[in-house]
Amino acid sequence: MKKMLFVSALAVALLMFAIPIVSAGMDFDDPALCVNGTWLLVDAAQPSAIKVVVPDDAKYGDQKAGKCKTPSPAPHLITNVKEGPVDHLMTVWVDGSKASTPTITASYGKEVQTRKNNGKLVVFVFFVR
């Protein structure tokens, strides 16, 4: 009887620890942004940790607004976006303290950049056509 009580208590404790871990994974889904028909994808960061500055003439947003031909590869859209004065350059800032892994990867089309996450600001720059 004591063994059954112990096993039941252990099972409940493990279940309590597993639920927050599963729900936490949803916060770190890789967010995306369509810019001039190409998807920007930031791996291992919360959407709230990302700021993007696009060229002032860029079309950006969801699939329709950014003119992407394919659906978003990510469940979350990057929403902290501003237009900047630099033609053809997009800058992506990621708050490393809100990232989920020791490295952060950003990709724009076929260009992929990976940076070490030092827990501070991580910066990526991409050429936008």
Protein backbone atom coordinates (compact mmCIF):
# COMPACT_ATOMS: atom_id res chain seq x y z
CA MET A 1 0.00 0.00 0.00
CA LYS A 2 2.84 2.39 0.85
CA LYS A 3 4.50 1.64 -2.49
CA MET A 4 1.27 2.44 -4.35
CA LEU A 5 0.92 5.77 -2.53
CA PHE A 6 4.55 6.65 -3.25
CA VAL A 7 4.20 5.77 -6.95
CA SER A 8 0.97 7.78 -7.23
CA ALA A 9 2.56 10.81 -5.58
CA LEU A 10 5.60 10.52 -7.83
CA ALA A 11 3.40 10.31 -10.94
CA VAL A 12 1.46 13.44 -9.92
CA ALA A 13 4.71 15.34 -9.23
CA LEU A 14 6.16 14.40 -12.62
CA LEU A 15 2.96 15.43 -14.36
CA MET A 16 3.04 18.81 -12.61
CA PHE A 17 6.58 19.44 -13.87
CA ALA A 18 5.85 18.25 -17.42
CA ILE A 19 2.89 20.57 -18.10
CA PRO A 20 4.82 23.87 -17.75
CA ILE A 21 7.66 22.53 -19.92
CA VAL A 22 5.29 21.64 -22.76
CA SER A 23 3.49 25.00 -22.62
CA ALA A 24 6.80 26.89 -22.42
CA GLY A 25 7.83 25.48 -25.78
CA MET A 26 5.02 27.39 -27.45
CA ASP A 27 6.54 30.71 -26.32
CA PHE A 28 9.73 29.97 -28.23
CA ASP A 29 8.22 29.06 -31.57
CA ASP A 30 10.29 30.54 -34.35
CA PRO A 31 8.56 33.75 -35.48
CA ALA A 32 8.57 34.93 -39.10
CA LEU A 33 8.01 38.06 -41.19
CA CYS A 34 7.43 38.29 -44.94
CA VAL A 35 9.61 41.02 -46.47
CA ASN A 36 9.40 41.73 -50.22
CA GLY A 37 8.20 38.22 -51.03
CA THR A 38 10.76 36.37 -48.87
CA TRP A 39 10.34 34.98 -45.37
CA LEU A 40 12.56 36.19 -42.52
CA LEU A 41 12.69 33.46 -39.86
CA VAL A 42 14.29 33.87 -36.43
CA ASP A 43 15.02 30.56 -34.72
CA ALA A 44 14.97 30.21 -30.92
CA ALA A 45 13.53 33.56 -29.91
CA GLN A 46 10.22 34.85 -28.61
CA PRO A 47 8.42 37.26 -30.95
CA SER A 48 8.57 39.93 -28.24
CA ALA A 49 12.40 39.66 -28.19
CA ILE A 50 12.74 40.64 -31.86
CA LYS A 51 12.87 44.08 -33.47
CA VAL A 52 13.24 44.47 -37.24
CA VAL A 53 14.03 47.56 -39.29
CA VAL A 54 13.18 47.19 -42.97
CA PRO A 55 13.93 49.58 -45.87
CA ASP A 56 11.29 52.30 -46.11
CA ASP A 57 10.00 51.02 -49.47
CA ALA A 58 9.73 47.36 -48.38
CA LYS A 59 6.47 45.46 -48.34
CA TYR A 60 6.27 43.47 -45.12
CA GLY A 61 3.93 41.67 -42.75
CA ASP A 62 2.02 38.44 -43.17
CA GLN A 63 1.97 36.40 -46.38
CA LYS A 64 -0.40 38.76 -48.19
CA ALA A 65 1.11 42.08 -47.01
CA GLY A 66 4.69 41.01 -47.71
CA LYS A 67 3.80 39.37 -51.06
CA CYS A 68 5.14 35.90 -50.11
CA LYS A 69 4.01 33.08 -52.39
CA THR A 70 4.06 30.42 -49.66
CA PRO A 71 2.37 30.32 -46.26
CA SER A 72 4.35 31.29 -43.19
CA PRO A 73 6.82 28.65 -42.00
CA ALA A 74 6.14 29.75 -38.40
CA PRO A 75 3.08 30.07 -36.18
CA HIS A 76 3.95 33.57 -34.91
CA LEU A 77 4.41 36.81 -36.85
CA ILE A 78 7.13 39.30 -35.92
CA THR A 79 5.22 42.50 -35.13
CA ASN A 80 7.87 44.89 -33.80
CA VAL A 81 8.81 46.28 -37.23
CA LYS A 82 9.81 49.79 -38.25
CA GLU A 83 10.81 51.33 -41.56
CA GLY A 84 14.34 52.69 -41.76
CA PRO A 85 16.27 54.98 -44.06
CA VAL A 86 18.84 52.45 -45.33
CA ASP A 87 18.00 51.15 -48.82
CA HIS A 88 18.23 47.38 -49.33
CA LEU A 89 19.32 46.57 -45.75
CA MET A 90 17.22 44.92 -43.08
CA THR A 91 18.49 44.84 -39.50
CA VAL A 92 17.22 42.30 -36.98
CA TRP A 93 17.84 42.78 -33.25
CA VAL A 94 17.19 39.89 -30.86
CA ASP A 95 17.21 40.23 -27.07
CA GLY A 96 19.36 37.23 -26.17
CA SER A 97 18.01 37.16 -22.61
CA LYS A 98 14.64 36.06 -24.04
CA ALA A 99 16.05 33.44 -26.41
CA SER A 100 15.73 29.72 -25.74
CA THR A 101 19.07 28.35 -26.97
CA PRO A 102 22.81 29.11 -26.80
CA THR A 103 22.76 30.17 -30.47
CA ILE A 104 20.25 32.19 -32.47
CA THR A 105 19.77 31.67 -36.19
CA ALA A 106 18.11 34.11 -38.55
CA SER A 107 17.42 33.32 -42.18
CA TYR A 108 16.14 35.43 -45.03
CA GLY A 109 15.57 33.38 -48.15
CA LYS A 110 18.70 31.32 -48.76
CA GLU A 111 20.92 33.43 -46.49
CA VAL A 112 21.37 31.94 -43.02
CA GLN A 113 23.26 33.58 -40.17
CA THR A 114 23.97 32.07 -36.74
CA ARG A 115 25.24 34.01 -33.75
CA LYS A 116 26.24 32.97 -30.25
CA ASN A 117 23.66 33.99 -27.69
CA ASN A 118 25.50 35.92 -25.00
CA GLY A 119 22.28 36.92 -23.22
CA LYS A 120 22.55 40.44 -24.61
CA LEU A 121 21.61 42.02 -27.92
CA VAL A 122 22.27 39.86 -31.01
CA VAL A 123 22.27 41.66 -34.39
CA PHE A 124 21.74 40.33 -37.92
CA VAL A 125 21.87 42.31 -41.19
CA PHE A 126 20.38 41.12 -44.48
CA PHE A 127 20.35 42.54 -48.00
CA VAL A 128 16.74 43.05 -49.20
CA ARG A 129 15.94 42.96 -52.89
